[in-house]
Amino acid sequence: MPEETSQSNAAAVRPPVRTARPPASAARPGRQTRTRKRTYGPRRKVCRLCAEKTDRIDYKQFQILRTFTLENGKMLSSRITGTCAKHQRQIARAIKRNRNIAILPYVSV
C-alpha cells in the first residue's frame, strides 16, 4: 500500500504535458498583429533653383545669395543646401563677385 501512495504523489508533482500553441491571432482575437514600419534612407534633397526653374544666378540678387551663406560669411556646400553642381558653381561665382563689390561681407565681425 505505501507503494501506491508514493506513485500517486509522483503523478501529482509531474508537470503537465504541453500542447502546441495556437497562432497569435487566434490567441488574441481583438488585437491586430503589429507590422514593422519600413524605414528608408533620408529624403533626397532637390535643387531649389532647378525646382523654381531659375536659369542664371546674378550677383545682384543678394537676397538669394544670402540664403546660401552662413552668418559669418562662409558659403554653404551643396551637400547642405541640396543644390545641383551647375547652380552651385553659379552661386559660388556670384557670391565671390558680390563680396568683391562689398555687398556681402567676407567675414562678419
N, C-alpha and C. Protein backbone atom coordinates (compact mmCIF):
# COMPACT_ATOMS: atom_id res chain seq x y z
N MET A 1 0.78 -1.20 0.00
CA MET A 1 0.00 0.00 0.00
C MET A 1 0.83 1.27 0.00
N PRO A 2 1.89 1.29 0.75
CA PRO A 2 2.67 2.51 0.73
C PRO A 2 3.23 2.82 -0.66
N GLU A 3 3.45 1.76 -1.45
CA GLU A 3 3.96 2.00 -2.79
C GLU A 3 2.93 2.74 -3.65
N GLU A 4 1.66 2.46 -3.46
CA GLU A 4 0.62 3.11 -4.26
C GLU A 4 0.54 4.60 -3.95
N THR A 5 0.69 4.99 -2.71
CA THR A 5 0.61 6.41 -2.34
C THR A 5 1.80 7.18 -2.89
N SER A 6 2.99 6.54 -2.93
CA SER A 6 4.14 7.25 -3.46
C SER A 6 4.02 7.46 -4.97
N GLN A 7 3.40 6.52 -5.66
CA GLN A 7 3.20 6.67 -7.09
C GLN A 7 2.17 7.75 -7.38
N SER A 8 1.14 7.84 -6.61
CA SER A 8 0.12 8.86 -6.84
C SER A 8 0.68 10.26 -6.55
N ASN A 9 1.55 10.38 -5.55
CA ASN A 9 2.19 11.66 -5.26
C ASN A 9 3.14 12.06 -6.39
N ALA A 10 3.84 11.10 -6.97
CA ALA A 10 4.76 11.38 -8.07
C ALA A 10 3.98 11.88 -9.28
N ALA A 11 2.80 11.37 -9.53
CA ALA A 11 1.98 11.80 -10.66
C ALA A 11 1.47 13.22 -10.42
N ALA A 12 1.21 13.56 -9.19
CA ALA A 12 0.71 14.89 -8.86
C ALA A 12 1.79 15.94 -9.01
N VAL A 13 3.05 15.60 -8.80
CA VAL A 13 4.15 16.54 -8.86
C VAL A 13 4.62 16.75 -10.30
N ARG A 14 4.38 15.79 -11.18
CA ARG A 14 4.83 15.87 -12.55
C ARG A 14 4.20 17.08 -13.26
N PRO A 15 5.01 17.84 -14.08
CA PRO A 15 4.44 18.99 -14.79
C PRO A 15 3.48 18.54 -15.88
N PRO A 16 2.51 19.37 -16.20
CA PRO A 16 1.56 18.97 -17.24
C PRO A 16 2.23 18.92 -18.61
N VAL A 17 1.69 18.12 -19.48
CA VAL A 17 2.23 17.96 -20.83
C VAL A 17 1.81 19.19 -21.64
N ARG A 18 2.78 19.79 -22.33
CA ARG A 18 2.49 20.99 -23.13
C ARG A 18 1.94 20.60 -24.48
N THR A 19 0.97 21.36 -24.91
CA THR A 19 0.42 21.14 -26.25
C THR A 19 0.91 22.25 -27.17
N ALA A 20 0.70 22.11 -28.44
CA ALA A 20 1.13 23.12 -29.41
C ALA A 20 0.35 24.41 -29.19
N ARG A 21 1.04 25.53 -29.31
CA ARG A 21 0.40 26.84 -29.11
C ARG A 21 -0.43 27.22 -30.32
N PRO A 22 -1.56 27.85 -30.09
CA PRO A 22 -2.32 28.36 -31.23
C PRO A 22 -1.64 29.61 -31.78
N PRO A 23 -1.89 30.01 -33.02
CA PRO A 23 -1.27 31.23 -33.56
C PRO A 23 -1.67 32.46 -32.76
N ALA A 24 -0.83 33.48 -32.84
CA ALA A 24 -1.04 34.70 -32.03
C ALA A 24 -2.38 35.36 -32.35
N SER A 25 -2.81 35.32 -33.60
CA SER A 25 -4.08 35.95 -33.96
C SER A 25 -5.25 35.20 -33.34
N ALA A 26 -5.13 33.87 -33.18
CA ALA A 26 -6.20 33.10 -32.56
C ALA A 26 -6.21 33.30 -31.05
N ALA A 27 -5.02 33.54 -30.47
CA ALA A 27 -4.95 33.70 -29.02
C ALA A 27 -5.59 35.01 -28.59
N ARG A 28 -5.44 36.06 -29.39
CA ARG A 28 -6.00 37.37 -29.06
C ARG A 28 -6.87 37.84 -30.21
N PRO A 29 -8.13 37.47 -30.21
CA PRO A 29 -8.96 37.81 -31.36
C PRO A 29 -9.21 39.30 -31.54
N GLY A 30 -9.17 40.09 -30.48
CA GLY A 30 -9.46 41.52 -30.59
C GLY A 30 -8.27 42.35 -31.03
N ARG A 31 -7.07 41.81 -30.97
CA ARG A 31 -5.86 42.58 -31.28
C ARG A 31 -5.37 42.31 -32.69
N GLN A 32 -4.82 43.35 -33.28
CA GLN A 32 -4.20 43.18 -34.59
C GLN A 32 -2.72 42.90 -34.39
N THR A 33 -2.15 42.19 -35.32
CA THR A 33 -0.72 41.94 -35.23
C THR A 33 0.01 43.19 -35.65
N ARG A 34 1.11 43.48 -35.00
CA ARG A 34 1.88 44.69 -35.30
C ARG A 34 2.76 44.46 -36.51
N THR A 35 2.79 45.43 -37.38
CA THR A 35 3.68 45.37 -38.53
C THR A 35 4.77 46.40 -38.34
N ARG A 36 5.95 46.06 -38.77
CA ARG A 36 7.07 47.00 -38.63
C ARG A 36 6.99 48.06 -39.71
N LYS A 37 7.25 49.27 -39.30
CA LYS A 37 7.25 50.39 -40.25
C LYS A 37 8.57 50.36 -41.01
N ARG A 38 8.48 50.46 -42.32
CA ARG A 38 9.70 50.45 -43.13
C ARG A 38 10.40 51.78 -43.00
N THR A 39 11.68 51.72 -42.75
CA THR A 39 12.46 52.94 -42.66
C THR A 39 13.37 53.00 -43.87
N TYR A 40 13.18 54.01 -44.64
CA TYR A 40 14.02 54.23 -45.80
C TYR A 40 15.08 55.25 -45.41
N GLY A 41 16.04 55.47 -46.29
CA GLY A 41 17.10 56.42 -46.02
C GLY A 41 16.56 57.84 -45.97
N PRO A 42 17.42 58.79 -45.67
CA PRO A 42 16.95 60.17 -45.62
C PRO A 42 16.46 60.64 -46.97
N ARG A 43 15.54 61.55 -46.95
CA ARG A 43 14.93 62.03 -48.19
C ARG A 43 15.96 62.79 -49.03
N ARG A 44 15.96 62.54 -50.32
CA ARG A 44 16.94 63.16 -51.21
C ARG A 44 16.62 64.64 -51.37
N LYS A 45 17.66 65.46 -51.28
CA LYS A 45 17.48 66.90 -51.42
C LYS A 45 17.34 67.26 -52.89
N VAL A 46 16.44 68.16 -53.17
CA VAL A 46 16.19 68.60 -54.53
C VAL A 46 16.72 70.02 -54.67
N CYS A 47 17.33 70.31 -55.79
CA CYS A 47 17.86 71.66 -56.03
C CYS A 47 16.70 72.65 -56.07
N ARG A 48 16.75 73.61 -55.17
CA ARG A 48 15.68 74.60 -55.08
C ARG A 48 15.62 75.46 -56.33
N LEU A 49 16.76 75.73 -56.91
CA LEU A 49 16.82 76.60 -58.09
C LEU A 49 16.32 75.87 -59.33
N CYS A 50 16.56 74.55 -59.40
CA CYS A 50 16.01 73.78 -60.52
C CYS A 50 14.49 73.68 -60.39
N ALA A 51 14.00 73.54 -59.16
CA ALA A 51 12.56 73.43 -58.94
C ALA A 51 11.85 74.73 -59.31
N GLU A 52 12.52 75.86 -59.07
CA GLU A 52 11.96 77.17 -59.43
C GLU A 52 12.24 77.53 -60.89
N LYS A 53 12.99 76.66 -61.57
CA LYS A 53 13.38 76.87 -62.98
C LYS A 53 14.14 78.18 -63.17
N THR A 54 15.11 78.41 -62.29
CA THR A 54 15.97 79.58 -62.38
C THR A 54 17.10 79.27 -63.35
N ASP A 55 17.26 80.11 -64.37
CA ASP A 55 18.31 79.86 -65.36
C ASP A 55 19.67 80.33 -64.87
N ARG A 56 19.74 81.58 -64.44
CA ARG A 56 21.02 82.15 -64.03
C ARG A 56 20.90 82.80 -62.67
N ILE A 57 22.00 82.75 -61.93
CA ILE A 57 22.08 83.43 -60.64
C ILE A 57 22.94 84.67 -60.88
N ASP A 58 22.41 85.82 -60.58
CA ASP A 58 23.13 87.07 -60.79
C ASP A 58 23.71 87.54 -59.46
N TYR A 59 24.85 88.20 -59.50
CA TYR A 59 25.49 88.68 -58.28
C TYR A 59 24.68 89.78 -57.61
N LYS A 60 23.76 90.41 -58.34
CA LYS A 60 22.95 91.48 -57.76
C LYS A 60 21.77 90.95 -56.94
N GLN A 61 21.49 89.66 -57.02
CA GLN A 61 20.39 89.06 -56.25
C GLN A 61 20.90 88.64 -54.87
N PHE A 62 21.22 89.63 -54.04
CA PHE A 62 21.86 89.32 -52.77
C PHE A 62 20.91 88.65 -51.78
N GLN A 63 19.58 88.81 -51.95
CA GLN A 63 18.65 88.13 -51.04
C GLN A 63 18.75 86.61 -51.24
N ILE A 64 18.87 86.19 -52.49
CA ILE A 64 19.00 84.75 -52.76
C ILE A 64 20.37 84.27 -52.30
N LEU A 65 21.40 85.05 -52.57
CA LEU A 65 22.76 84.64 -52.21
C LEU A 65 22.95 84.58 -50.70
N ARG A 66 22.23 85.39 -49.98
CA ARG A 66 22.36 85.40 -48.52
C ARG A 66 21.86 84.07 -47.93
N THR A 67 20.90 83.42 -48.58
CA THR A 67 20.40 82.14 -48.08
C THR A 67 21.43 81.02 -48.25
N PHE A 68 22.42 81.23 -49.12
CA PHE A 68 23.44 80.22 -49.35
C PHE A 68 24.73 80.53 -48.60
N THR A 69 24.70 81.44 -47.66
CA THR A 69 25.87 81.75 -46.84
C THR A 69 25.50 81.68 -45.36
N LEU A 70 26.50 81.43 -44.53
CA LEU A 70 26.30 81.44 -43.08
C LEU A 70 26.39 82.87 -42.55
N GLU A 71 26.09 83.02 -41.27
CA GLU A 71 26.15 84.35 -40.66
C GLU A 71 27.56 84.92 -40.66
N ASN A 72 28.55 84.04 -40.57
CA ASN A 72 29.93 84.53 -40.55
C ASN A 72 30.52 84.72 -41.94
N GLY A 73 29.71 84.54 -43.00
CA GLY A 73 30.15 84.83 -44.36
C GLY A 73 30.60 83.63 -45.17
N LYS A 74 30.62 82.45 -44.58
CA LYS A 74 31.06 81.26 -45.32
C LYS A 74 29.96 80.78 -46.27
N MET A 75 30.39 80.25 -47.41
CA MET A 75 29.45 79.67 -48.36
C MET A 75 29.06 78.28 -47.87
N LEU A 76 27.79 77.93 -48.05
CA LEU A 76 27.32 76.60 -47.70
C LEU A 76 27.59 75.64 -48.85
N SER A 77 27.93 74.41 -48.53
CA SER A 77 28.21 73.43 -49.58
C SER A 77 26.93 72.90 -50.18
N SER A 78 27.06 72.27 -51.33
CA SER A 78 25.88 71.73 -51.99
C SER A 78 25.32 70.53 -51.23
N ARG A 79 26.14 69.86 -50.42
CA ARG A 79 25.63 68.75 -49.60
C ARG A 79 24.61 69.25 -48.59
N ILE A 80 24.83 70.46 -48.08
CA ILE A 80 23.92 71.03 -47.08
C ILE A 80 22.71 71.67 -47.74
N THR A 81 22.94 72.45 -48.80
CA THR A 81 21.83 73.17 -49.42
C THR A 81 21.04 72.30 -50.38
N GLY A 82 21.67 71.27 -50.96
CA GLY A 82 20.98 70.39 -51.89
C GLY A 82 20.96 70.91 -53.32
N THR A 83 21.78 71.91 -53.63
CA THR A 83 21.80 72.44 -54.99
C THR A 83 22.59 71.52 -55.91
N CYS A 84 22.25 71.57 -57.19
CA CYS A 84 22.97 70.76 -58.17
C CYS A 84 24.32 71.43 -58.46
N ALA A 85 25.18 70.72 -59.17
CA ALA A 85 26.54 71.21 -59.44
C ALA A 85 26.51 72.47 -60.29
N LYS A 86 25.62 72.52 -61.27
CA LYS A 86 25.53 73.69 -62.16
C LYS A 86 25.19 74.94 -61.37
N HIS A 87 24.16 74.86 -60.52
CA HIS A 87 23.75 76.03 -59.76
C HIS A 87 24.73 76.35 -58.63
N GLN A 88 25.40 75.33 -58.09
CA GLN A 88 26.40 75.59 -57.05
C GLN A 88 27.56 76.41 -57.61
N ARG A 89 27.96 76.12 -58.84
CA ARG A 89 29.04 76.91 -59.46
C ARG A 89 28.58 78.35 -59.68
N GLN A 90 27.34 78.53 -60.12
CA GLN A 90 26.82 79.88 -60.33
C GLN A 90 26.71 80.64 -59.02
N ILE A 91 26.30 79.96 -57.97
CA ILE A 91 26.19 80.60 -56.66
C ILE A 91 27.55 81.02 -56.16
N ALA A 92 28.55 80.14 -56.27
CA ALA A 92 29.90 80.46 -55.80
C ALA A 92 30.47 81.65 -56.56
N ARG A 93 30.27 81.66 -57.88
CA ARG A 93 30.77 82.78 -58.69
C ARG A 93 30.09 84.08 -58.29
N ALA A 94 28.77 84.03 -58.08
CA ALA A 94 28.01 85.24 -57.74
C ALA A 94 28.38 85.74 -56.34
N ILE A 95 28.59 84.85 -55.39
CA ILE A 95 28.98 85.26 -54.03
C ILE A 95 30.34 85.93 -54.06
N LYS A 96 31.27 85.36 -54.82
CA LYS A 96 32.61 85.95 -54.89
C LYS A 96 32.57 87.34 -55.53
N ARG A 97 31.77 87.50 -56.56
CA ARG A 97 31.64 88.82 -57.18
C ARG A 97 30.96 89.79 -56.23
N ASN A 98 29.97 89.30 -55.51
CA ASN A 98 29.23 90.12 -54.57
C ASN A 98 30.12 90.58 -53.44
N ARG A 99 30.98 89.73 -52.94
CA ARG A 99 31.92 90.11 -51.89
C ARG A 99 32.91 91.14 -52.40
N ASN A 100 33.32 91.00 -53.67
CA ASN A 100 34.31 91.90 -54.24
C ASN A 100 33.80 93.34 -54.31
N ILE A 101 32.50 93.51 -54.56
CA ILE A 101 31.95 94.86 -54.61
C ILE A 101 31.29 95.26 -53.28
N ALA A 102 31.56 94.47 -52.23
CA ALA A 102 31.19 94.78 -50.85
C ALA A 102 29.68 94.83 -50.58
N ILE A 103 28.93 93.97 -51.24
CA ILE A 103 27.52 93.83 -50.88
C ILE A 103 27.38 92.79 -49.78
N LEU A 104 28.05 91.66 -49.95
CA LEU A 104 28.12 90.64 -48.89
C LEU A 104 29.48 90.72 -48.23
N PRO A 105 29.55 90.44 -46.94
CA PRO A 105 30.86 90.51 -46.26
C PRO A 105 31.68 89.25 -46.50
N TYR A 106 33.00 89.39 -46.48
CA TYR A 106 33.88 88.22 -46.49
C TYR A 106 33.75 87.52 -45.15
N VAL A 107 33.84 88.29 -44.08
CA VAL A 107 33.73 87.77 -42.72
C VAL A 107 32.91 88.77 -41.92
N SER A 108 31.94 88.28 -41.15
CA SER A 108 31.20 89.21 -40.30
C SER A 108 31.93 89.34 -38.97
N VAL A 109 31.85 90.51 -38.41
CA VAL A 109 32.59 90.80 -37.17
C VAL A 109 31.71 90.61 -35.97
